[in-house]
N, C-alpha and C. Protein backbone atom coordinates (compact mmCIF):
# COMPACT_ATOMS: atom_id res chain seq x y z
N MET A 1 -61.44 -106.97 99.95
CA MET A 1 -62.64 -107.79 100.07
C MET A 1 -62.26 -109.24 99.81
N ILE A 2 -62.77 -110.12 100.62
CA ILE A 2 -62.50 -111.55 100.46
C ILE A 2 -63.53 -112.12 99.50
N GLU A 3 -63.04 -112.77 98.47
CA GLU A 3 -63.92 -113.40 97.51
C GLU A 3 -64.17 -114.85 97.93
N SER A 4 -65.36 -115.29 97.74
CA SER A 4 -65.70 -116.65 98.12
C SER A 4 -66.52 -117.30 97.02
N THR A 5 -66.30 -118.57 96.87
CA THR A 5 -67.15 -119.34 95.96
C THR A 5 -68.05 -120.28 96.75
N ASP A 6 -67.99 -120.16 98.06
CA ASP A 6 -68.83 -120.96 98.94
C ASP A 6 -70.30 -120.62 98.68
N PRO A 7 -71.10 -121.60 98.28
CA PRO A 7 -72.52 -121.31 97.96
C PRO A 7 -73.28 -120.69 99.12
N GLU A 8 -72.93 -121.07 100.33
CA GLU A 8 -73.60 -120.53 101.52
C GLU A 8 -73.34 -119.03 101.64
N ILE A 9 -72.10 -118.63 101.47
CA ILE A 9 -71.74 -117.21 101.57
C ILE A 9 -72.37 -116.43 100.42
N LEU A 10 -72.35 -116.99 99.23
CA LEU A 10 -72.96 -116.33 98.09
C LEU A 10 -74.46 -116.13 98.31
N ARG A 11 -75.11 -117.09 98.91
CA ARG A 11 -76.54 -116.98 99.20
C ARG A 11 -76.79 -115.85 100.21
N TYR A 12 -75.93 -115.76 101.25
CA TYR A 12 -76.06 -114.67 102.22
C TYR A 12 -75.90 -113.32 101.54
N GLU A 13 -74.91 -113.21 100.65
CA GLU A 13 -74.69 -111.96 99.94
C GLU A 13 -75.90 -111.58 99.10
N GLU A 14 -76.48 -112.55 98.43
CA GLU A 14 -77.67 -112.28 97.62
C GLU A 14 -78.84 -111.85 98.51
N ASN A 15 -78.97 -112.46 99.66
CA ASN A 15 -80.04 -112.07 100.59
C ASN A 15 -79.85 -110.64 101.07
N ILE A 16 -78.61 -110.25 101.35
CA ILE A 16 -78.33 -108.88 101.77
C ILE A 16 -78.70 -107.91 100.65
N ALA A 17 -78.35 -108.26 99.41
CA ALA A 17 -78.70 -107.41 98.27
C ALA A 17 -80.21 -107.27 98.15
N LYS A 18 -80.95 -108.33 98.36
CA LYS A 18 -82.41 -108.26 98.29
C LYS A 18 -82.97 -107.37 99.39
N ILE A 19 -82.40 -107.47 100.58
CA ILE A 19 -82.84 -106.63 101.70
C ILE A 19 -82.58 -105.17 101.38
N LEU A 20 -81.39 -104.87 100.85
CA LEU A 20 -81.08 -103.49 100.48
C LEU A 20 -82.08 -102.97 99.44
N ASP A 21 -82.39 -103.79 98.45
CA ASP A 21 -83.34 -103.38 97.42
C ASP A 21 -84.71 -103.09 98.02
N ARG A 22 -85.16 -103.94 98.90
CA ARG A 22 -86.47 -103.73 99.55
C ARG A 22 -86.45 -102.48 100.43
N ALA A 23 -85.34 -102.26 101.11
CA ALA A 23 -85.22 -101.09 101.97
C ALA A 23 -85.27 -99.81 101.15
N VAL A 24 -84.58 -99.80 100.01
CA VAL A 24 -84.61 -98.62 99.14
C VAL A 24 -86.05 -98.32 98.72
N LYS A 25 -86.78 -99.35 98.32
CA LYS A 25 -88.17 -99.15 97.91
C LYS A 25 -89.03 -98.63 99.06
N LEU A 26 -88.83 -99.18 100.25
CA LEU A 26 -89.57 -98.72 101.43
C LEU A 26 -89.25 -97.27 101.75
N PHE A 27 -87.97 -96.92 101.71
CA PHE A 27 -87.57 -95.54 102.00
C PHE A 27 -88.18 -94.57 101.00
N ARG A 28 -88.24 -94.96 99.74
CA ARG A 28 -88.84 -94.08 98.73
C ARG A 28 -90.35 -93.92 98.98
N ARG A 29 -91.02 -95.02 99.32
CA ARG A 29 -92.47 -94.95 99.59
C ARG A 29 -92.78 -94.07 100.79
N THR A 30 -91.85 -94.00 101.73
CA THR A 30 -92.08 -93.22 102.95
C THR A 30 -91.39 -91.86 102.90
N ASN A 31 -90.98 -91.47 101.69
CA ASN A 31 -90.36 -90.15 101.46
C ASN A 31 -89.07 -89.94 102.23
N LEU A 32 -88.34 -90.99 102.48
CA LEU A 32 -87.01 -90.89 103.08
C LEU A 32 -85.98 -90.99 101.95
N ASN A 33 -86.05 -90.00 101.06
CA ASN A 33 -85.28 -90.07 99.84
C ASN A 33 -83.77 -90.00 100.05
N ASP A 34 -83.31 -89.23 101.03
CA ASP A 34 -81.87 -89.18 101.29
C ASP A 34 -81.34 -90.55 101.69
N LEU A 35 -82.08 -91.19 102.56
CA LEU A 35 -81.69 -92.53 103.00
C LEU A 35 -81.78 -93.52 101.84
N ALA A 36 -82.83 -93.41 101.05
CA ALA A 36 -82.98 -94.29 99.89
C ALA A 36 -81.81 -94.12 98.93
N ASP A 37 -81.41 -92.88 98.69
CA ASP A 37 -80.28 -92.63 97.78
C ASP A 37 -78.99 -93.25 98.30
N LYS A 38 -78.74 -93.12 99.59
CA LYS A 38 -77.52 -93.70 100.18
C LYS A 38 -77.51 -95.22 100.05
N TRP A 39 -78.61 -95.85 100.41
CA TRP A 39 -78.68 -97.31 100.35
C TRP A 39 -78.65 -97.80 98.91
N ASP A 40 -79.24 -97.01 98.01
CA ASP A 40 -79.21 -97.36 96.60
C ASP A 40 -77.77 -97.33 96.07
N ARG A 41 -76.99 -96.35 96.50
CA ARG A 41 -75.57 -96.30 96.10
C ARG A 41 -74.82 -97.52 96.63
N ILE A 42 -75.11 -97.93 97.85
CA ILE A 42 -74.47 -99.12 98.42
C ILE A 42 -74.81 -100.34 97.57
N LEU A 43 -76.07 -100.48 97.21
CA LEU A 43 -76.51 -101.61 96.41
C LEU A 43 -75.86 -101.60 95.03
N LYS A 44 -75.79 -100.45 94.41
CA LYS A 44 -75.17 -100.34 93.09
C LYS A 44 -73.68 -100.64 93.17
N THR A 45 -73.01 -100.22 94.23
CA THR A 45 -71.59 -100.52 94.41
C THR A 45 -71.40 -102.02 94.55
N TYR A 46 -72.25 -102.66 95.33
CA TYR A 46 -72.18 -104.12 95.48
C TYR A 46 -72.36 -104.81 94.13
N ASP A 47 -73.38 -104.40 93.38
CA ASP A 47 -73.63 -105.02 92.08
C ASP A 47 -72.44 -104.84 91.14
N SER A 48 -71.87 -103.65 91.15
CA SER A 48 -70.73 -103.35 90.30
C SER A 48 -69.53 -104.23 90.66
N LYS A 49 -69.24 -104.33 91.94
CA LYS A 49 -68.10 -105.15 92.39
C LYS A 49 -68.33 -106.61 92.08
N LYS A 50 -69.58 -107.07 92.23
CA LYS A 50 -69.90 -108.47 91.98
C LYS A 50 -69.67 -108.81 90.50
N ARG A 51 -70.06 -107.90 89.62
CA ARG A 51 -69.89 -108.14 88.19
C ARG A 51 -68.43 -108.10 87.76
N ASN A 52 -67.62 -107.33 88.45
CA ASN A 52 -66.22 -107.17 88.08
C ASN A 52 -65.32 -108.28 88.63
N HIS A 53 -65.86 -109.14 89.47
CA HIS A 53 -65.02 -110.21 90.05
C HIS A 53 -65.45 -111.55 89.59
C-alpha cells in the first residue's frame, strides 16, 4: 500500500471510509446483513491499517 501525506488523498480516503460506513448502515436497515458484514470488515481493516501507519 502506498502511504501518502498529501491532504487531497487523505481527504479522498476519509470520504471512502464515510461512504463505507453509510453503506453498512443502509445494508443493515434493508436486511442485507451478509453484505453489511463484508463491507464492515473492509471498513475495520482500513481503520486498523490507518492507525498502524
